[in-house]
Amino acid sequence: MEEFVLGAPRGGGQSLQDVLKMERIRWHPDKAQQRWGMDALFEVEMEAITIVFQTIDALWVDRQNRGDIS
């Protein structure tokens, strides 16, 4: 998944950091529960959403720590 995110095309002059920031918000488990409701998601779906969020968050944090905003 990391390879997919890092290799995805970015439009509108967005930096990788901008895209990661936006995706962190989109994939946050709390946001998913707000969007679809607490009872609408199965446990396996919440686990998958959490894994996606954790991967994107790790990429974002890594780039924050390195000062890599490209």
PDB file of N, CA and C in Angstrom:
ATOM      1  N   MET A   1       0.819  -1.183   0.000  1.00  0.00           N
ATOM      2  CA  MET A   1       0.000   0.000   0.000  1.00  0.00           C
ATOM      3  C   MET A   1       0.867   1.252   0.000  1.00  0.00           C
ATOM      4  N   GLU A   2       1.966   1.196   0.725  1.00  0.00           N
ATOM      5  CA  GLU A   2       2.880   2.335   0.766  1.00  0.00           C
ATOM      6  C   GLU A   2       3.373   2.685  -0.633  1.00  0.00           C
ATOM      7  N   GLU A   3       3.729   1.676  -1.400  1.00  0.00           N
ATOM      8  CA  GLU A   3       4.209   1.894  -2.769  1.00  0.00           C
ATOM      9  C   GLU A   3       3.127   2.548  -3.622  1.00  0.00           C
ATOM     10  N   PHE A   4       1.886   2.110  -3.450  1.00  0.00           N
ATOM     11  CA  PHE A   4       0.768   2.679  -4.193  1.00  0.00           C
ATOM     12  C   PHE A   4       0.597   4.164  -3.866  1.00  0.00           C
ATOM     13  N   VAL A   5       0.596   4.482  -2.580  1.00  0.00           N
ATOM     14  CA  VAL A   5       0.388   5.866  -2.150  1.00  0.00           C
ATOM     15  C   VAL A   5       1.519   6.760  -2.653  1.00  0.00           C
ATOM     16  N   LEU A   6       2.743   6.288  -2.504  1.00  0.00           N
ATOM     17  CA  LEU A   6       3.888   7.109  -2.908  1.00  0.00           C
ATOM     18  C   LEU A   6       3.966   7.282  -4.422  1.00  0.00           C
ATOM     19  N   GLY A   7       3.469   6.305  -5.179  1.00  0.00           N
ATOM     20  CA  GLY A   7       3.532   6.378  -6.631  1.00  0.00           C
ATOM     21  C   GLY A   7       2.310   6.974  -7.297  1.00  0.00           C
ATOM     22  N   ALA A   8       1.290   7.272  -6.517  1.00  0.00           N
ATOM     23  CA  ALA A   8       0.047   7.803  -7.090  1.00  0.00           C
ATOM     24  C   ALA A   8       0.268   9.200  -7.649  1.00  0.00           C
ATOM     25  N   PRO A   9      -0.333   9.475  -8.809  1.00  0.00           N
ATOM     26  CA  PRO A   9      -0.194  10.816  -9.380  1.00  0.00           C
ATOM     27  C   PRO A   9      -0.910  11.851  -8.510  1.00  0.00           C
ATOM     28  N   ARG A  10      -0.349  13.036  -8.473  1.00  0.00           N
ATOM     29  CA  ARG A  10      -0.936  14.140  -7.717  1.00  0.00           C
ATOM     30  C   ARG A  10      -1.268  15.256  -8.699  1.00  0.00           C
ATOM     31  N   GLY A  11      -2.451  15.777  -8.560  1.00  0.00           N
ATOM     32  CA  GLY A  11      -2.854  16.857  -9.452  1.00  0.00           C
ATOM     33  C   GLY A  11      -2.919  18.181  -8.735  1.00  0.00           C
ATOM     34  N   GLY A  12      -3.061  19.210  -9.499  1.00  0.00           N
ATOM     35  CA  GLY A  12      -3.261  20.539  -8.946  1.00  0.00           C
ATOM     36  C   GLY A  12      -2.092  21.075  -8.144  1.00  0.00           C
ATOM     37  N   GLY A  13      -0.900  20.564  -8.410  1.00  0.00           N
ATOM     38  CA  GLY A  13       0.277  21.059  -7.705  1.00  0.00           C
ATOM     39  C   GLY A  13       0.365  20.644  -6.251  1.00  0.00           C
ATOM     40  N   GLN A  14      -0.420  19.641  -5.852  1.00  0.00           N
ATOM     41  CA  GLN A  14      -0.378  19.184  -4.468  1.00  0.00           C
ATOM     42  C   GLN A  14       0.929  18.461  -4.176  1.00  0.00           C
ATOM     43  N   SER A  15       1.477  18.730  -3.014  1.00  0.00           N
ATOM     44  CA  SER A  15       2.663  18.002  -2.582  1.00  0.00           C
ATOM     45  C   SER A  15       2.225  16.667  -1.991  1.00  0.00           C
ATOM     46  N   LEU A  16       3.158  15.751  -1.876  1.00  0.00           N
ATOM     47  CA  LEU A  16       2.870  14.473  -1.239  1.00  0.00           C
ATOM     48  C   LEU A  16       2.378  14.717   0.183  1.00  0.00           C
ATOM     49  N   GLN A  17       2.974  15.662   0.864  1.00  0.00           N
ATOM     50  CA  GLN A  17       2.579  15.973   2.243  1.00  0.00           C
ATOM     51  C   GLN A  17       1.119  16.416   2.296  1.00  0.00           C
ATOM     52  N   ASP A  18       0.689  17.225   1.331  1.00  0.00           N
ATOM     53  CA  ASP A  18      -0.709  17.667   1.279  1.00  0.00           C
ATOM     54  C   ASP A  18      -1.656  16.483   1.084  1.00  0.00           C
ATOM     55  N   VAL A  19      -1.284  15.601   0.182  1.00  0.00           N
ATOM     56  CA  VAL A  19      -2.118  14.428  -0.108  1.00  0.00           C
ATOM     57  C   VAL A  19      -2.195  13.525   1.115  1.00  0.00           C
ATOM     58  N   LEU A  20      -1.060  13.279   1.755  1.00  0.00           N
ATOM     59  CA  LEU A  20      -1.051  12.427   2.944  1.00  0.00           C
ATOM     60  C   LEU A  20      -1.889  13.029   4.064  1.00  0.00           C
ATOM     61  N   LYS A  21      -1.810  14.343   4.229  1.00  0.00           N
ATOM     62  CA  LYS A  21      -2.587  15.012   5.261  1.00  0.00           C
ATOM     63  C   LYS A  21      -4.084  14.829   5.005  1.00  0.00           C
ATOM     64  N   MET A  22      -4.491  15.022   3.760  1.00  0.00           N
ATOM     65  CA  MET A  22      -5.895  14.870   3.391  1.00  0.00           C
ATOM     66  C   MET A  22      -6.363  13.424   3.589  1.00  0.00           C
ATOM     67  N   GLU A  23      -5.534  12.459   3.185  1.00  0.00           N
ATOM     68  CA  GLU A  23      -5.899  11.048   3.314  1.00  0.00           C
ATOM     69  C   GLU A  23      -5.927  10.599   4.773  1.00  0.00           C
ATOM     70  N   ARG A  24      -5.076  11.172   5.622  1.00  0.00           N
ATOM     71  CA  ARG A  24      -5.115  10.860   7.062  1.00  0.00           C
ATOM     72  C   ARG A  24      -6.487  11.200   7.627  1.00  0.00           C
ATOM     73  N   ILE A  25      -7.009  12.336   7.223  1.00  0.00           N
ATOM     74  CA  ILE A  25      -8.329  12.748   7.699  1.00  0.00           C
ATOM     75  C   ILE A  25      -9.402  11.827   7.130  1.00  0.00           C
ATOM     76  N   ARG A  26      -9.317  11.555   5.841  1.00  0.00           N
ATOM     77  CA  ARG A  26     -10.323  10.733   5.171  1.00  0.00           C
ATOM     78  C   ARG A  26     -10.408   9.324   5.761  1.00  0.00           C
ATOM     79  N   TRP A  27      -9.264   8.729   6.102  1.00  0.00           N
ATOM     80  CA  TRP A  27      -9.229   7.339   6.559  1.00  0.00           C
ATOM     81  C   TRP A  27      -9.205   7.196   8.080  1.00  0.00           C
ATOM     82  N   HIS A  28      -9.333   8.277   8.828  1.00  0.00           N
ATOM     83  CA  HIS A  28      -9.310   8.159  10.283  1.00  0.00           C
ATOM     84  C   HIS A  28     -10.510   7.311  10.731  1.00  0.00           C
ATOM     85  N   PRO A  29     -10.275   6.316  11.594  1.00  0.00           N
ATOM     86  CA  PRO A  29     -11.374   5.437  12.033  1.00  0.00           C
ATOM     87  C   PRO A  29     -12.562   6.183  12.637  1.00  0.00           C
ATOM     88  N   ASP A  30     -12.317   7.245  13.375  1.00  0.00           N
ATOM     89  CA  ASP A  30     -13.434   8.018  13.937  1.00  0.00           C
ATOM     90  C   ASP A  30     -14.281   8.656  12.836  1.00  0.00           C
ATOM     91  N   LYS A  31     -13.621   9.123  11.784  1.00  0.00           N
ATOM     92  CA  LYS A  31     -14.356   9.717  10.657  1.00  0.00           C
ATOM     93  C   LYS A  31     -15.217   8.670   9.961  1.00  0.00           C
ATOM     94  N   ALA A  32     -14.681   7.455   9.825  1.00  0.00           N
ATOM     95  CA  ALA A  32     -15.446   6.374   9.191  1.00  0.00           C
ATOM     96  C   ALA A  32     -16.710   6.081  10.000  1.00  0.00           C
ATOM     97  N   GLN A  33     -16.572   6.049  11.305  1.00  0.00           N
ATOM     98  CA  GLN A  33     -17.736   5.785  12.152  1.00  0.00           C
ATOM     99  C   GLN A  33     -18.733   6.937  12.094  1.00  0.00           C
ATOM    100  N   GLN A  34     -18.239   8.170  11.983  1.00  0.00           N
ATOM    101  CA  GLN A  34     -19.139   9.317  11.820  1.00  0.00           C
ATOM    102  C   GLN A  34     -19.864   9.228  10.489  1.00  0.00           C
ATOM    103  N   ARG A  35     -19.121   8.863   9.448  1.00  0.00           N
ATOM    104  CA  ARG A  35     -19.672   8.835   8.095  1.00  0.00           C
ATOM    105  C   ARG A  35     -20.738   7.755   7.945  1.00  0.00           C
ATOM    106  N   TRP A  36     -20.443   6.543   8.431  1.00  0.00           N
ATOM    107  CA  TRP A  36     -21.341   5.411   8.190  1.00  0.00           C
ATOM    108  C   TRP A  36     -22.097   4.952   9.421  1.00  0.00           C
ATOM    109  N   GLY A  37     -21.780   5.482  10.580  1.00  0.00           N
ATOM    110  CA  GLY A  37     -22.468   5.094  11.801  1.00  0.00           C
ATOM    111  C   GLY A  37     -21.738   3.980  12.538  1.00  0.00           C
ATOM    112  N   MET A  38     -21.871   3.986  13.840  1.00  0.00           N
ATOM    113  CA  MET A  38     -21.158   3.029  14.692  1.00  0.00           C
ATOM    114  C   MET A  38     -21.533   1.583  14.362  1.00  0.00           C
ATOM    115  N   ASP A  39     -22.796   1.343  14.059  1.00  0.00           N
ATOM    116  CA  ASP A  39     -23.275  -0.018  13.845  1.00  0.00           C
ATOM    117  C   ASP A  39     -23.234  -0.444  12.381  1.00  0.00           C
ATOM    118  N   ALA A  40     -22.839   0.450  11.489  1.00  0.00           N
ATOM    119  CA  ALA A  40     -22.880   0.145  10.058  1.00  0.00           C
ATOM    120  C   ALA A  40     -21.662  -0.634   9.584  1.00  0.00           C
ATOM    121  N   LEU A  41     -20.578  -0.584  10.333  1.00  0.00           N
ATOM    122  CA  LEU A  41     -19.337  -1.232   9.905  1.00  0.00           C
ATOM    123  C   LEU A  41     -19.067  -2.485  10.735  1.00  0.00           C
ATOM    124  N   PHE A  42     -18.683  -3.545  10.042  1.00  0.00           N
ATOM    125  CA  PHE A  42     -18.283  -4.771  10.723  1.00  0.00           C
ATOM    126  C   PHE A  42     -16.884  -4.588  11.303  1.00  0.00           C
ATOM    127  N   GLU A  43     -16.525  -5.432  12.242  1.00  0.00           N
ATOM    128  CA  GLU A  43     -15.217  -5.340  12.877  1.00  0.00           C
ATOM    129  C   GLU A  43     -14.087  -5.461  11.853  1.00  0.00           C
ATOM    130  N   VAL A  44     -14.240  -6.366  10.900  1.00  0.00           N
ATOM    131  CA  VAL A  44     -13.192  -6.552   9.890  1.00  0.00           C
ATOM    132  C   VAL A  44     -13.029  -5.298   9.030  1.00  0.00           C
ATOM    133  N   GLU A  45     -14.113  -4.600   8.771  1.00  0.00           N
ATOM    134  CA  GLU A  45     -14.033  -3.346   8.011  1.00  0.00           C
ATOM    135  C   GLU A  45     -13.316  -2.268   8.819  1.00  0.00           C
ATOM    136  N   MET A  46     -13.618  -2.177  10.103  1.00  0.00           N
ATOM    137  CA  MET A  46     -12.934  -1.200  10.950  1.00  0.00           C
ATOM    138  C   MET A  46     -11.448  -1.519  11.063  1.00  0.00           C
ATOM    139  N   GLU A  47     -11.104  -2.806  11.112  1.00  0.00           N
ATOM    140  CA  GLU A  47      -9.698  -3.187  11.162  1.00  0.00           C
ATOM    141  C   GLU A  47      -8.979  -2.759   9.880  1.00  0.00           C
ATOM    142  N   ALA A  48      -9.629  -2.951   8.740  1.00  0.00           N
ATOM    143  CA  ALA A  48      -9.030  -2.554   7.460  1.00  0.00           C
ATOM    144  C   ALA A  48      -8.867  -1.031   7.386  1.00  0.00           C
ATOM    145  N   ILE A  49      -9.873  -0.309   7.800  1.00  0.00           N
ATOM    146  CA  ILE A  49      -9.798   1.155   7.813  1.00  0.00           C
ATOM    147  C   ILE A  49      -8.666   1.613   8.722  1.00  0.00           C
ATOM    148  N   THR A  50      -8.532   0.976   9.869  1.00  0.00           N
ATOM    149  CA  THR A  50      -7.470   1.327  10.813  1.00  0.00           C
ATOM    150  C   THR A  50      -6.095   1.057  10.215  1.00  0.00           C
ATOM    151  N   ILE A  51      -5.930  -0.055   9.524  1.00  0.00           N
ATOM    152  CA  ILE A  51      -4.645  -0.387   8.895  1.00  0.00           C
ATOM    153  C   ILE A  51      -4.292   0.637   7.822  1.00  0.00           C
ATOM    154  N   VAL A  52      -5.263   1.014   7.008  1.00  0.00           N
ATOM    155  CA  VAL A  52      -5.024   2.027   5.975  1.00  0.00           C
ATOM    156  C   VAL A  52      -4.610   3.338   6.636  1.00  0.00           C
ATOM    157  N   PHE A  53      -5.346   3.750   7.667  1.00  0.00           N
ATOM    158  CA  PHE A  53      -5.014   4.981   8.366  1.00  0.00           C
ATOM    159  C   PHE A  53      -3.606   4.924   8.954  1.00  0.00           C
ATOM    160  N   GLN A  54      -3.270   3.825   9.609  1.00  0.00           N
ATOM    161  CA  GLN A  54      -1.959   3.702  10.248  1.00  0.00           C
ATOM    162  C   GLN A  54      -0.829   3.774   9.222  1.00  0.00           C
ATOM    163  N   THR A  55      -1.036   3.186   8.055  1.00  0.00           N
ATOM    164  CA  THR A  55      -0.022   3.233   7.004  1.00  0.00           C
ATOM    165  C   THR A  55       0.170   4.658   6.500  1.00  0.00           C
ATOM    166  N   ILE A  56      -0.925   5.331   6.204  1.00  0.00           N
ATOM    167  CA  ILE A  56      -0.853   6.714   5.724  1.00  0.00           C
ATOM    168  C   ILE A  56      -0.267   7.620   6.796  1.00  0.00           C
ATOM    169  N   ASP A  57      -0.679   7.421   8.043  1.00  0.00           N
ATOM    170  CA  ASP A  57      -0.161   8.232   9.143  1.00  0.00           C
ATOM    171  C   ASP A  57       1.344   8.030   9.312  1.00  0.00           C
ATOM    172  N   ALA A  58       1.811   6.797   9.203  1.00  0.00           N
ATOM    173  CA  ALA A  58       3.251   6.525   9.334  1.00  0.00           C
ATOM    174  C   ALA A  58       4.038   7.227   8.231  1.00  0.00           C
ATOM    175  N   LEU A  59       3.507   7.225   7.010  1.00  0.00           N
ATOM    176  CA  LEU A  59       4.167   7.928   5.901  1.00  0.00           C
ATOM    177  C   LEU A  59       4.212   9.429   6.181  1.00  0.00           C
ATOM    178  N   TRP A  60       3.089   9.971   6.652  1.00  0.00           N
ATOM    179  CA  TRP A  60       3.004  11.410   6.936  1.00  0.00           C
ATOM    180  C   TRP A  60       3.978  11.800   8.044  1.00  0.00           C
ATOM    181  N   VAL A  61       3.985  11.034   9.133  1.00  0.00           N
ATOM    182  CA  VAL A  61       4.872  11.322  10.263  1.00  0.00           C
ATOM    183  C   VAL A  61       6.330  11.221   9.832  1.00  0.00           C
ATOM    184  N   ASP A  62       6.656  10.200   9.048  1.00  0.00           N
ATOM    185  CA  ASP A  62       8.024  10.019   8.566  1.00  0.00           C
ATOM    186  C   ASP A  62       8.475  11.236   7.768  1.00  0.00           C
ATOM    187  N   ARG A  63       7.631  11.725   6.898  1.00  0.00           N
ATOM    188  CA  ARG A  63       7.994  12.881   6.085  1.00  0.00           C
ATOM    189  C   ARG A  63       8.028  14.164   6.915  1.00  0.00           C
ATOM    190  N   GLN A  64       7.175  14.266   7.908  1.00  0.00           N
ATOM    191  CA  GLN A  64       7.224  15.412   8.821  1.00  0.00           C
ATOM    192  C   GLN A  64       8.556  15.443   9.540  1.00  0.00           C
ATOM    193  N   ASN A  65       8.974  14.293  10.042  1.00  0.00           N
ATOM    194  CA  ASN A  65      10.220  14.209  10.807  1.00  0.00           C
ATOM    195  C   ASN A  65      11.446  14.493   9.940  1.00  0.00           C
ATOM    196  N   ARG A  66      11.380  14.122   8.661  1.00  0.00           N
ATOM    197  CA  ARG A  66      12.497  14.359   7.748  1.00  0.00           C
ATOM    198  C   ARG A  66      12.447  15.737   7.114  1.00  0.00           C
ATOM    199  N   GLY A  67      11.325  16.411   7.253  1.00  0.00           N
ATOM    200  CA  GLY A  67      11.173  17.704   6.596  1.00  0.00           C
ATOM    201  C   GLY A  67      10.977  17.562   5.106  1.00  0.00           C
ATOM    202  N   ASP A  68      10.568  16.366   4.660  1.00  0.00           N
ATOM    203  CA  ASP A  68      10.358  16.077   3.235  1.00  0.00           C
ATOM    204  C   ASP A  68       8.930  16.446   2.874  1.00  0.00           C
ATOM    205  N   ILE A  69       8.766  17.568   2.223  1.00  0.00           N
ATOM    206  CA  ILE A  69       7.413  18.023   1.876  1.00  0.00           C
ATOM    207  C   ILE A  69       7.153  17.966   0.389  1.00  0.00           C
ATOM    208  N   SER A  70       7.925  17.205  -0.358  1.00  0.00           N
ATOM    209  CA  SER A  70       7.703  17.156  -1.819  1.00  0.00           C
ATOM    210  C   SER A  70       6.592  16.213  -2.178  1.00  0.00           C
TER     211      SER A  70
END
